[in-house]
N, C-alpha and C. Protein backbone atom coordinates (compact mmCIF):
# COMPACT_ATOMS: atom_id res chain seq x y z
N MET A 1 -175.10 2.50 -75.48
CA MET A 1 -175.76 1.51 -74.64
C MET A 1 -174.68 0.68 -73.96
N GLU A 2 -174.85 0.46 -72.67
CA GLU A 2 -173.85 -0.29 -71.92
C GLU A 2 -173.89 -1.77 -72.28
N GLU A 3 -172.72 -2.39 -72.19
CA GLU A 3 -172.60 -3.81 -72.52
C GLU A 3 -173.50 -4.65 -71.62
N LYS A 4 -173.59 -4.32 -70.32
CA LYS A 4 -174.40 -5.13 -69.41
C LYS A 4 -175.87 -5.14 -69.82
N GLN A 5 -176.33 -4.09 -70.49
CA GLN A 5 -177.71 -4.05 -70.93
C GLN A 5 -177.96 -4.97 -72.11
N MET A 6 -176.92 -5.38 -72.79
CA MET A 6 -177.08 -6.25 -73.95
C MET A 6 -176.96 -7.72 -73.59
N THR A 7 -176.83 -8.03 -72.32
CA THR A 7 -176.62 -9.42 -71.93
C THR A 7 -177.90 -10.15 -71.62
N GLY A 8 -179.05 -9.50 -71.76
CA GLY A 8 -180.31 -10.18 -71.50
C GLY A 8 -180.76 -10.06 -70.06
N ASN A 9 -180.13 -9.22 -69.25
CA ASN A 9 -180.58 -9.09 -67.87
C ASN A 9 -181.85 -8.26 -67.80
N GLN A 10 -182.38 -8.07 -66.61
CA GLN A 10 -183.65 -7.37 -66.43
C GLN A 10 -183.60 -5.92 -66.87
N ASP A 11 -182.42 -5.30 -66.90
CA ASP A 11 -182.29 -3.90 -67.28
C ASP A 11 -182.38 -3.69 -68.79
N PHE A 12 -182.32 -4.76 -69.55
CA PHE A 12 -182.32 -4.65 -71.00
C PHE A 12 -183.65 -4.08 -71.47
N ASN A 13 -183.60 -3.06 -72.31
CA ASN A 13 -184.80 -2.41 -72.82
C ASN A 13 -184.87 -2.63 -74.33
N VAL A 14 -185.82 -3.43 -74.75
CA VAL A 14 -185.96 -3.77 -76.16
C VAL A 14 -186.25 -2.53 -77.00
N ASP A 15 -187.07 -1.63 -76.48
CA ASP A 15 -187.39 -0.42 -77.24
C ASP A 15 -186.15 0.43 -77.49
N GLU A 16 -185.31 0.58 -76.48
CA GLU A 16 -184.07 1.34 -76.65
C GLU A 16 -183.14 0.63 -77.64
N ALA A 17 -183.09 -0.68 -77.55
CA ALA A 17 -182.25 -1.45 -78.46
C ALA A 17 -182.72 -1.30 -79.90
N LEU A 18 -184.02 -1.34 -80.10
CA LEU A 18 -184.56 -1.17 -81.46
C LEU A 18 -184.29 0.22 -81.99
N ASP A 19 -184.38 1.22 -81.11
CA ASP A 19 -184.03 2.59 -81.52
C ASP A 19 -182.57 2.67 -81.95
N ARG A 20 -181.70 2.03 -81.16
CA ARG A 20 -180.27 2.04 -81.49
C ARG A 20 -180.01 1.30 -82.80
N LEU A 21 -180.72 0.19 -83.01
CA LEU A 21 -180.57 -0.55 -84.26
C LEU A 21 -180.97 0.32 -85.45
N GLU A 22 -182.00 1.13 -85.29
CA GLU A 22 -182.41 2.04 -86.36
C GLU A 22 -181.32 3.08 -86.62
N GLU A 23 -180.71 3.60 -85.56
CA GLU A 23 -179.61 4.55 -85.72
C GLU A 23 -178.45 3.90 -86.46
N ILE A 24 -178.13 2.68 -86.08
CA ILE A 24 -177.04 1.95 -86.72
C ILE A 24 -177.34 1.75 -88.20
N ASN A 25 -178.56 1.36 -88.50
CA ASN A 25 -178.96 1.14 -89.89
C ASN A 25 -178.81 2.42 -90.72
N GLN A 26 -179.23 3.53 -90.16
CA GLN A 26 -179.11 4.80 -90.87
C GLN A 26 -177.65 5.17 -91.09
N ARG A 27 -176.84 4.95 -90.07
CA ARG A 27 -175.41 5.29 -90.20
C ARG A 27 -174.72 4.38 -91.23
N LEU A 28 -175.08 3.10 -91.23
CA LEU A 28 -174.49 2.17 -92.20
C LEU A 28 -174.88 2.54 -93.63
N ALA A 29 -176.00 3.18 -93.80
CA ALA A 29 -176.45 3.58 -95.13
C ALA A 29 -175.79 4.87 -95.61
N ALA A 30 -175.08 5.56 -94.72
CA ALA A 30 -174.43 6.82 -95.08
C ALA A 30 -173.27 6.58 -96.05
N LYS A 31 -173.04 7.54 -96.90
CA LYS A 31 -171.98 7.42 -97.90
C LYS A 31 -170.60 7.72 -97.33
N ASP A 32 -170.55 8.44 -96.22
CA ASP A 32 -169.26 8.87 -95.68
C ASP A 32 -168.73 7.96 -94.58
N ILE A 33 -169.29 6.78 -94.41
CA ILE A 33 -168.87 5.88 -93.34
C ILE A 33 -167.60 5.12 -93.74
N THR A 34 -166.72 4.95 -92.77
CA THR A 34 -165.48 4.22 -93.04
C THR A 34 -165.72 2.72 -92.86
N LEU A 35 -164.83 1.95 -93.41
CA LEU A 35 -164.92 0.50 -93.27
C LEU A 35 -164.82 0.10 -91.80
N LYS A 36 -163.92 0.73 -91.06
CA LYS A 36 -163.75 0.42 -89.65
C LYS A 36 -165.02 0.74 -88.86
N GLU A 37 -165.61 1.90 -89.12
CA GLU A 37 -166.84 2.27 -88.43
C GLU A 37 -167.97 1.30 -88.80
N SER A 38 -168.03 0.93 -90.07
CA SER A 38 -169.05 -0.03 -90.53
C SER A 38 -168.95 -1.35 -89.77
N LEU A 39 -167.73 -1.82 -89.63
CA LEU A 39 -167.51 -3.08 -88.93
C LEU A 39 -167.93 -2.98 -87.46
N GLU A 40 -167.56 -1.90 -86.81
CA GLU A 40 -167.92 -1.71 -85.40
C GLU A 40 -169.44 -1.62 -85.22
N LEU A 41 -170.07 -0.88 -86.09
CA LEU A 41 -171.53 -0.76 -86.01
C LEU A 41 -172.21 -2.09 -86.31
N TYR A 42 -171.68 -2.82 -87.27
CA TYR A 42 -172.24 -4.14 -87.59
C TYR A 42 -172.15 -5.06 -86.39
N LYS A 43 -171.00 -5.07 -85.71
CA LYS A 43 -170.82 -5.90 -84.52
C LYS A 43 -171.83 -5.51 -83.44
N GLU A 44 -171.94 -4.21 -83.20
CA GLU A 44 -172.89 -3.73 -82.19
C GLU A 44 -174.32 -4.14 -82.56
N GLY A 45 -174.66 -3.98 -83.83
CA GLY A 45 -176.00 -4.32 -84.28
C GLY A 45 -176.33 -5.79 -84.12
N THR A 46 -175.37 -6.66 -84.42
CA THR A 46 -175.63 -8.09 -84.28
C THR A 46 -175.80 -8.47 -82.81
N LYS A 47 -175.03 -7.84 -81.93
CA LYS A 47 -175.19 -8.09 -80.49
C LYS A 47 -176.56 -7.62 -80.00
N LEU A 48 -176.95 -6.45 -80.44
CA LEU A 48 -178.26 -5.93 -80.04
C LEU A 48 -179.39 -6.80 -80.56
N ALA A 49 -179.29 -7.21 -81.82
CA ALA A 49 -180.33 -8.06 -82.40
C ALA A 49 -180.44 -9.39 -81.65
N ALA A 50 -179.30 -9.97 -81.30
CA ALA A 50 -179.30 -11.23 -80.56
C ALA A 50 -179.90 -11.04 -79.16
N ALA A 51 -179.57 -9.92 -78.51
CA ALA A 51 -180.11 -9.65 -77.18
C ALA A 51 -181.62 -9.43 -77.24
N CYS A 52 -182.08 -8.75 -78.28
CA CYS A 52 -183.54 -8.56 -78.45
C CYS A 52 -184.22 -9.90 -78.64
N GLN A 53 -183.65 -10.74 -79.48
CA GLN A 53 -184.22 -12.07 -79.73
C GLN A 53 -184.28 -12.88 -78.44
N GLU A 54 -183.19 -12.84 -77.67
CA GLU A 54 -183.13 -13.58 -76.41
C GLU A 54 -184.21 -13.08 -75.44
N ARG A 55 -184.35 -11.78 -75.35
CA ARG A 55 -185.34 -11.20 -74.43
C ARG A 55 -186.76 -11.56 -74.88
N LEU A 56 -187.01 -11.49 -76.16
CA LEU A 56 -188.35 -11.81 -76.66
C LEU A 56 -188.69 -13.29 -76.47
N VAL A 57 -187.72 -14.16 -76.60
CA VAL A 57 -187.95 -15.58 -76.34
C VAL A 57 -188.29 -15.77 -74.86
N GLY A 58 -187.59 -15.04 -73.99
CA GLY A 58 -187.88 -15.12 -72.56
C GLY A 58 -189.29 -14.65 -72.24
N VAL A 59 -189.71 -13.58 -72.86
CA VAL A 59 -191.07 -13.07 -72.65
C VAL A 59 -192.09 -14.09 -73.15
N GLU A 60 -191.81 -14.70 -74.29
CA GLU A 60 -192.71 -15.71 -74.84
C GLU A 60 -192.86 -16.88 -73.86
N LYS A 61 -191.77 -17.31 -73.25
CA LYS A 61 -191.82 -18.40 -72.27
C LYS A 61 -192.63 -17.99 -71.06
N GLU A 62 -192.47 -16.74 -70.60
CA GLU A 62 -193.25 -16.26 -69.47
C GLU A 62 -194.75 -16.28 -69.79
N LEU A 63 -195.08 -15.87 -71.00
CA LEU A 63 -196.49 -15.88 -71.40
C LEU A 63 -197.06 -17.29 -71.47
N GLN A 64 -196.27 -18.23 -71.92
CA GLN A 64 -196.72 -19.63 -71.96
C GLN A 64 -196.99 -20.15 -70.57
N ILE A 65 -196.14 -19.77 -69.60
CA ILE A 65 -196.33 -20.20 -68.22
C ILE A 65 -197.61 -19.60 -67.65
N ILE A 66 -197.85 -18.33 -67.95
CA ILE A 66 -199.06 -17.65 -67.47
C ILE A 66 -200.30 -18.32 -68.03
N GLU A 67 -200.26 -18.72 -69.28
CA GLU A 67 -201.42 -19.33 -69.94
C GLU A 67 -201.74 -20.72 -69.42
N GLU A 68 -200.78 -21.37 -68.80
CA GLU A 68 -201.01 -22.75 -68.33
C GLU A 68 -201.85 -22.81 -67.11
């Protein structure tokens, strides 16, 4: 996933991010993972999770505006 997609712009796809988070979770659970790979995946996962949270907060705000 490209870095620009994780910045909360309009191109960000929450479904793709959640799929990637699932892949990361599965890889982190593997027995053959190195410490370096674990760290890189953890960093990527935290960025994705934060971007998902940011996008969902934005959607929530849009819904509040619509309801007013």
